[in-house]
Amino acid sequence: MTSWQLVRVIAGTFILLSLALGIPGSPIFVNQWWLAFTAFVGVNLLQSGLTKWCLMESILRKLGVRQGA
């Protein structure tokens, strides 16, 4: 997988996990503050779309993940 593909997989995983941890009806509910993490991921996706720079992608490239085309 390339870095841009992994960013999307990681973001989707973070969003789904934080929703599961933050929605009271979920079987693995912990606290509603987990929904703030969902918003954080969404804001970062919006920022990366507008600026064409993503911190997660930079971190993945430094870890040796192949850059996407």
PDB file of N, CA and C in Angstrom:
ATOM      1  N   MET A   1       0.841  -1.187   0.000  1.00  0.00           N
ATOM      2  CA  MET A   1       0.000   0.000   0.000  1.00  0.00           C
ATOM      3  C   MET A   1       0.881   1.243   0.000  1.00  0.00           C
ATOM      4  N   THR A   2       0.373   2.280  -0.621  1.00  0.00           N
ATOM      5  CA  THR A   2       1.099   3.544  -0.628  1.00  0.00           C
ATOM      6  C   THR A   2       0.678   4.381   0.572  1.00  0.00           C
ATOM      7  N   SER A   3       1.434   5.461   0.813  1.00  0.00           N
ATOM      8  CA  SER A   3       1.177   6.285   1.997  1.00  0.00           C
ATOM      9  C   SER A   3      -0.221   6.906   1.971  1.00  0.00           C
ATOM     10  N   TRP A   4      -0.669   7.377   0.809  1.00  0.00           N
ATOM     11  CA  TRP A   4      -1.998   8.012   0.764  1.00  0.00           C
ATOM     12  C   TRP A   4      -3.110   6.996   0.988  1.00  0.00           C
ATOM     13  N   GLN A   5      -2.898   5.752   0.567  1.00  0.00           N
ATOM     14  CA  GLN A   5      -3.902   4.717   0.829  1.00  0.00           C
ATOM     15  C   GLN A   5      -3.948   4.381   2.319  1.00  0.00           C
ATOM     16  N   LEU A   6      -2.785   4.276   2.935  1.00  0.00           N
ATOM     17  CA  LEU A   6      -2.735   3.978   4.369  1.00  0.00           C
ATOM     18  C   LEU A   6      -3.345   5.097   5.197  1.00  0.00           C
ATOM     19  N   VAL A   7      -3.166   6.350   4.791  1.00  0.00           N
ATOM     20  CA  VAL A   7      -3.770   7.475   5.514  1.00  0.00           C
ATOM     21  C   VAL A   7      -5.276   7.297   5.567  1.00  0.00           C
ATOM     22  N   ARG A   8      -5.873   6.927   4.459  1.00  0.00           N
ATOM     23  CA  ARG A   8      -7.326   6.763   4.409  1.00  0.00           C
ATOM     24  C   ARG A   8      -7.798   5.560   5.230  1.00  0.00           C
ATOM     25  N   VAL A   9      -7.025   4.485   5.194  1.00  0.00           N
ATOM     26  CA  VAL A   9      -7.370   3.307   5.997  1.00  0.00           C
ATOM     27  C   VAL A   9      -7.281   3.645   7.487  1.00  0.00           C
ATOM     28  N   ILE A  10      -6.219   4.333   7.872  1.00  0.00           N
ATOM     29  CA  ILE A  10      -6.033   4.700   9.277  1.00  0.00           C
ATOM     30  C   ILE A  10      -7.123   5.677   9.725  1.00  0.00           C
ATOM     31  N   ALA A  11      -7.419   6.682   8.898  1.00  0.00           N
ATOM     32  CA  ALA A  11      -8.458   7.659   9.251  1.00  0.00           C
ATOM     33  C   ALA A  11      -9.815   6.976   9.391  1.00  0.00           C
ATOM     34  N   GLY A  12     -10.159   6.097   8.467  1.00  0.00           N
ATOM     35  CA  GLY A  12     -11.432   5.377   8.556  1.00  0.00           C
ATOM     36  C   GLY A  12     -11.515   4.515   9.794  1.00  0.00           C
ATOM     37  N   THR A  13     -10.414   3.851  10.130  1.00  0.00           N
ATOM     38  CA  THR A  13     -10.368   3.015  11.331  1.00  0.00           C
ATOM     39  C   THR A  13     -10.538   3.870  12.589  1.00  0.00           C
ATOM     40  N   PHE A  14      -9.821   5.000  12.645  1.00  0.00           N
ATOM     41  CA  PHE A  14      -9.934   5.900  13.793  1.00  0.00           C
ATOM     42  C   PHE A  14     -11.359   6.412  13.953  1.00  0.00           C
ATOM     43  N   ILE A  15     -11.994   6.792  12.855  1.00  0.00           N
ATOM     44  CA  ILE A  15     -13.357   7.320  12.917  1.00  0.00           C
ATOM     45  C   ILE A  15     -14.326   6.258  13.417  1.00  0.00           C
ATOM     46  N   LEU A  16     -14.268   5.065  12.848  1.00  0.00           N
ATOM     47  CA  LEU A  16     -15.186   4.003  13.262  1.00  0.00           C
ATOM     48  C   LEU A  16     -14.965   3.602  14.717  1.00  0.00           C
ATOM     49  N   LEU A  17     -13.693   3.495  15.119  1.00  0.00           N
ATOM     50  CA  LEU A  17     -13.390   3.115  16.499  1.00  0.00           C
ATOM     51  C   LEU A  17     -13.845   4.186  17.486  1.00  0.00           C
ATOM     52  N   SER A  18     -13.574   5.461  17.164  1.00  0.00           N
ATOM     53  CA  SER A  18     -13.978   6.523  18.095  1.00  0.00           C
ATOM     54  C   SER A  18     -15.497   6.665  18.162  1.00  0.00           C
ATOM     55  N   LEU A  19     -16.201   6.400  17.071  1.00  0.00           N
ATOM     56  CA  LEU A  19     -17.660   6.396  17.129  1.00  0.00           C
ATOM     57  C   LEU A  19     -18.163   5.260  18.015  1.00  0.00           C
ATOM     58  N   ALA A  20     -17.553   4.080  17.867  1.00  0.00           N
ATOM     59  CA  ALA A  20     -17.962   2.942  18.689  1.00  0.00           C
ATOM     60  C   ALA A  20     -17.706   3.206  20.172  1.00  0.00           C
ATOM     61  N   LEU A  21     -16.624   3.918  20.479  1.00  0.00           N
ATOM     62  CA  LEU A  21     -16.298   4.220  21.875  1.00  0.00           C
ATOM     63  C   LEU A  21     -17.090   5.399  22.426  1.00  0.00           C
ATOM     64  N   GLY A  22     -17.675   6.248  21.535  1.00  0.00           N
ATOM     65  CA  GLY A  22     -18.314   7.466  21.995  1.00  0.00           C
ATOM     66  C   GLY A  22     -19.821   7.507  21.926  1.00  0.00           C
ATOM     67  N   ILE A  23     -20.443   6.558  21.242  1.00  0.00           N
ATOM     68  CA  ILE A  23     -21.906   6.558  21.126  1.00  0.00           C
ATOM     69  C   ILE A  23     -22.495   5.694  22.246  1.00  0.00           C
ATOM     70  N   PRO A  24     -23.373   6.269  23.078  1.00  0.00           N
ATOM     71  CA  PRO A  24     -23.892   5.544  24.245  1.00  0.00           C
ATOM     72  C   PRO A  24     -24.539   4.188  23.940  1.00  0.00           C
ATOM     73  N   GLY A  25     -25.114   4.000  22.778  1.00  0.00           N
ATOM     74  CA  GLY A  25     -25.753   2.732  22.462  1.00  0.00           C
ATOM     75  C   GLY A  25     -24.797   1.635  22.045  1.00  0.00           C
ATOM     76  N   SER A  26     -23.528   1.966  21.897  1.00  0.00           N
ATOM     77  CA  SER A  26     -22.531   0.992  21.441  1.00  0.00           C
ATOM     78  C   SER A  26     -22.192  -0.003  22.547  1.00  0.00           C
ATOM     79  N   PRO A  27     -21.950  -1.260  22.176  1.00  0.00           N
ATOM     80  CA  PRO A  27     -21.572  -2.250  23.204  1.00  0.00           C
ATOM     81  C   PRO A  27     -20.203  -1.991  23.825  1.00  0.00           C
ATOM     82  N   ILE A  28     -19.365  -1.192  23.172  1.00  0.00           N
ATOM     83  CA  ILE A  28     -18.043  -0.891  23.748  1.00  0.00           C
ATOM     84  C   ILE A  28     -17.934   0.581  24.150  1.00  0.00           C
ATOM     85  N   PHE A  29     -19.072   1.204  24.454  1.00  0.00           N
ATOM     86  CA  PHE A  29     -19.105   2.610  24.863  1.00  0.00           C
ATOM     87  C   PHE A  29     -18.212   2.842  26.078  1.00  0.00           C
ATOM     88  N   VAL A  30     -17.420   3.918  26.004  1.00  0.00           N
ATOM     89  CA  VAL A  30     -16.566   4.303  27.124  1.00  0.00           C
ATOM     90  C   VAL A  30     -16.977   5.678  27.647  1.00  0.00           C
ATOM     91  N   ASN A  31     -16.969   6.663  26.748  1.00  0.00           N
ATOM     92  CA  ASN A  31     -17.251   8.037  27.147  1.00  0.00           C
ATOM     93  C   ASN A  31     -17.593   8.835  25.900  1.00  0.00           C
ATOM     94  N   GLN A  32     -18.489   9.814  26.031  1.00  0.00           N
ATOM     95  CA  GLN A  32     -18.877  10.607  24.866  1.00  0.00           C
ATOM     96  C   GLN A  32     -17.758  11.508  24.358  1.00  0.00           C
ATOM     97  N   TRP A  33     -16.729  11.724  25.151  1.00  0.00           N
ATOM     98  CA  TRP A  33     -15.606  12.542  24.707  1.00  0.00           C
ATOM     99  C   TRP A  33     -14.834  11.899  23.558  1.00  0.00           C
ATOM    100  N   TRP A  34     -15.040  10.623  23.311  1.00  0.00           N
ATOM    101  CA  TRP A  34     -14.414   9.978  22.153  1.00  0.00           C
ATOM    102  C   TRP A  34     -14.914  10.597  20.848  1.00  0.00           C
ATOM    103  N   LEU A  35     -16.094  11.209  20.874  1.00  0.00           N
ATOM    104  CA  LEU A  35     -16.611  11.872  19.676  1.00  0.00           C
ATOM    105  C   LEU A  35     -15.765  13.088  19.302  1.00  0.00           C
ATOM    106  N   ALA A  36     -15.059  13.669  20.249  1.00  0.00           N
ATOM    107  CA  ALA A  36     -14.138  14.763  19.944  1.00  0.00           C
ATOM    108  C   ALA A  36     -12.993  14.260  19.071  1.00  0.00           C
ATOM    109  N   PHE A  37     -12.576  13.029  19.284  1.00  0.00           N
ATOM    110  CA  PHE A  37     -11.522  12.434  18.441  1.00  0.00           C
ATOM    111  C   PHE A  37     -12.031  12.252  17.016  1.00  0.00           C
ATOM    112  N   THR A  38     -13.303  11.887  16.865  1.00  0.00           N
ATOM    113  CA  THR A  38     -13.909  11.777  15.542  1.00  0.00           C
ATOM    114  C   THR A  38     -13.840  13.133  14.833  1.00  0.00           C
ATOM    115  N   ALA A  39     -14.188  14.195  15.543  1.00  0.00           N
ATOM    116  CA  ALA A  39     -14.125  15.541  14.971  1.00  0.00           C
ATOM    117  C   ALA A  39     -12.689  15.925  14.626  1.00  0.00           C
ATOM    118  N   PHE A  40     -11.738  15.560  15.465  1.00  0.00           N
ATOM    119  CA  PHE A  40     -10.330  15.850  15.218  1.00  0.00           C
ATOM    120  C   PHE A  40      -9.856  15.213  13.916  1.00  0.00           C
ATOM    121  N   VAL A  41     -10.210  13.955  13.700  1.00  0.00           N
ATOM    122  CA  VAL A  41      -9.823  13.259  12.470  1.00  0.00           C
ATOM    123  C   VAL A  41     -10.479  13.930  11.265  1.00  0.00           C
ATOM    124  N   GLY A  42     -11.744  14.295  11.391  1.00  0.00           N
ATOM    125  CA  GLY A  42     -12.443  14.970  10.303  1.00  0.00           C
ATOM    126  C   GLY A  42     -11.814  16.308   9.951  1.00  0.00           C
ATOM    127  N   VAL A  43     -11.442  17.076  10.961  1.00  0.00           N
ATOM    128  CA  VAL A  43     -10.788  18.369  10.722  1.00  0.00           C
ATOM    129  C   VAL A  43      -9.439  18.168  10.029  1.00  0.00           C
ATOM    130  N   ASN A  44      -8.703  17.150  10.433  1.00  0.00           N
ATOM    131  CA  ASN A  44      -7.422  16.873   9.788  1.00  0.00           C
ATOM    132  C   ASN A  44      -7.597  16.444   8.334  1.00  0.00           C
ATOM    133  N   LEU A  45      -8.641  15.667   8.046  1.00  0.00           N
ATOM    134  CA  LEU A  45      -8.916  15.292   6.655  1.00  0.00           C
ATOM    135  C   LEU A  45      -9.267  16.523   5.824  1.00  0.00           C
ATOM    136  N   LEU A  46     -10.075  17.411   6.386  1.00  0.00           N
ATOM    137  CA  LEU A  46     -10.435  18.653   5.699  1.00  0.00           C
ATOM    138  C   LEU A  46      -9.188  19.509   5.455  1.00  0.00           C
ATOM    139  N   GLN A  47      -8.373  19.677   6.470  1.00  0.00           N
ATOM    140  CA  GLN A  47      -7.144  20.468   6.350  1.00  0.00           C
ATOM    141  C   GLN A  47      -6.223  19.889   5.286  1.00  0.00           C
ATOM    142  N   SER A  48      -6.046  18.579   5.261  1.00  0.00           N
ATOM    143  CA  SER A  48      -5.140  17.977   4.276  1.00  0.00           C
ATOM    144  C   SER A  48      -5.689  18.109   2.860  1.00  0.00           C
ATOM    145  N   GLY A  49      -6.997  18.112   2.726  1.00  0.00           N
ATOM    146  CA  GLY A  49      -7.592  18.309   1.412  1.00  0.00           C
ATOM    147  C   GLY A  49      -7.406  19.724   0.891  1.00  0.00           C
ATOM    148  N   LEU A  50      -7.424  20.701   1.796  1.00  0.00           N
ATOM    149  CA  LEU A  50      -7.275  22.096   1.395  1.00  0.00           C
ATOM    150  C   LEU A  50      -5.819  22.508   1.190  1.00  0.00           C
ATOM    151  N   THR A  51      -4.921  21.971   2.009  1.00  0.00           N
ATOM    152  CA  THR A  51      -3.516  22.389   1.950  1.00  0.00           C
ATOM    153  C   THR A  51      -2.618  21.428   1.183  1.00  0.00           C
ATOM    154  N   LYS A  52      -3.136  20.240   0.857  1.00  0.00           N
ATOM    155  CA  LYS A  52      -2.358  19.198   0.177  1.00  0.00           C
ATOM    156  C   LYS A  52      -1.155  18.735   1.012  1.00  0.00           C
ATOM    157  N   TRP A  53      -1.263  18.833   2.355  1.00  0.00           N
ATOM    158  CA  TRP A  53      -0.238  18.341   3.266  1.00  0.00           C
ATOM    159  C   TRP A  53      -0.921  17.591   4.394  1.00  0.00           C
ATOM    160  N   CYS A  54      -0.378  16.428   4.724  1.00  0.00           N
ATOM    161  CA  CYS A  54      -0.959  15.599   5.777  1.00  0.00           C
ATOM    162  C   CYS A  54       0.152  15.102   6.695  1.00  0.00           C
ATOM    163  N   LEU A  55       0.019  15.380   7.980  1.00  0.00           N
ATOM    164  CA  LEU A  55       1.021  14.962   8.949  1.00  0.00           C
ATOM    165  C   LEU A  55       1.162  13.444   8.981  1.00  0.00           C
ATOM    166  N   MET A  56       0.045  12.721   8.949  1.00  0.00           N
ATOM    167  CA  MET A  56       0.107  11.255   8.983  1.00  0.00           C
ATOM    168  C   MET A  56       0.882  10.712   7.790  1.00  0.00           C
ATOM    169  N   GLU A  57       0.678  11.302   6.623  1.00  0.00           N
ATOM    170  CA  GLU A  57       1.404  10.845   5.436  1.00  0.00           C
ATOM    171  C   GLU A  57       2.898  11.122   5.579  1.00  0.00           C
ATOM    172  N   SER A  58       3.254  12.261   6.153  1.00  0.00           N
ATOM    173  CA  SER A  58       4.665  12.577   6.389  1.00  0.00           C
ATOM    174  C   SER A  58       5.295  11.572   7.350  1.00  0.00           C
ATOM    175  N   ILE A  59       4.554  11.214   8.397  1.00  0.00           N
ATOM    176  CA  ILE A  59       5.052  10.234   9.371  1.00  0.00           C
ATOM    177  C   ILE A  59       5.232   8.876   8.701  1.00  0.00           C
ATOM    178  N   LEU A  60       4.249   8.463   7.905  1.00  0.00           N
ATOM    179  CA  LEU A  60       4.346   7.169   7.234  1.00  0.00           C
ATOM    180  C   LEU A  60       5.525   7.122   6.281  1.00  0.00           C
ATOM    181  N   ARG A  61       5.789   8.212   5.561  1.00  0.00           N
ATOM    182  CA  ARG A  61       6.937   8.244   4.645  1.00  0.00           C
ATOM    183  C   ARG A  61       8.242   8.136   5.406  1.00  0.00           C
ATOM    184  N   LYS A  62       8.338   8.783   6.572  1.00  0.00           N
ATOM    185  CA  LYS A  62       9.552   8.679   7.381  1.00  0.00           C
ATOM    186  C   LYS A  62       9.755   7.263   7.910  1.00  0.00           C
ATOM    187  N   LEU A  63       8.647   6.525   8.046  1.00  0.00           N
ATOM    188  CA  LEU A  63       8.731   5.128   8.491  1.00  0.00           C
ATOM    189  C   LEU A  63       9.042   4.169   7.329  1.00  0.00           C
ATOM    190  N   GLY A  64       9.165   4.724   6.128  1.00  0.00           N
ATOM    191  CA  GLY A  64       9.568   3.916   4.990  1.00  0.00           C
ATOM    192  C   GLY A  64       8.448   3.454   4.084  1.00  0.00           C
ATOM    193  N   VAL A  65       7.241   3.951   4.288  1.00  0.00           N
ATOM    194  CA  VAL A  65       6.121   3.566   3.426  1.00  0.00           C
ATOM    195  C   VAL A  65       6.280   4.280   2.085  1.00  0.00           C
ATOM    196  N   ARG A  66       6.022   3.564   1.021  1.00  0.00           N
ATOM    197  CA  ARG A  66       6.154   4.092  -0.334  1.00  0.00           C
ATOM    198  C   ARG A  66       5.162   5.216  -0.573  1.00  0.00           C
ATOM    199  N   GLN A  67       5.643   6.306  -1.198  1.00  0.00           N
ATOM    200  CA  GLN A  67       4.792   7.450  -1.498  1.00  0.00           C
ATOM    201  C   GLN A  67       3.858   7.117  -2.648  1.00  0.00           C
ATOM    202  N   GLY A  68       2.629   7.600  -2.548  1.00  0.00           N
ATOM    203  CA  GLY A  68       1.636   7.360  -3.603  1.00  0.00           C
ATOM    204  C   GLY A  68       1.866   8.259  -4.799  1.00  0.00           C
ATOM    205  N   ALA A  69       1.253   7.893  -5.913  1.00  0.00           N
ATOM    206  CA  ALA A  69       1.408   8.668  -7.160  1.00  0.00           C
ATOM    207  C   ALA A  69       0.473   9.851  -7.179  1.00  0.00           C
TER     208      ALA A  69
END
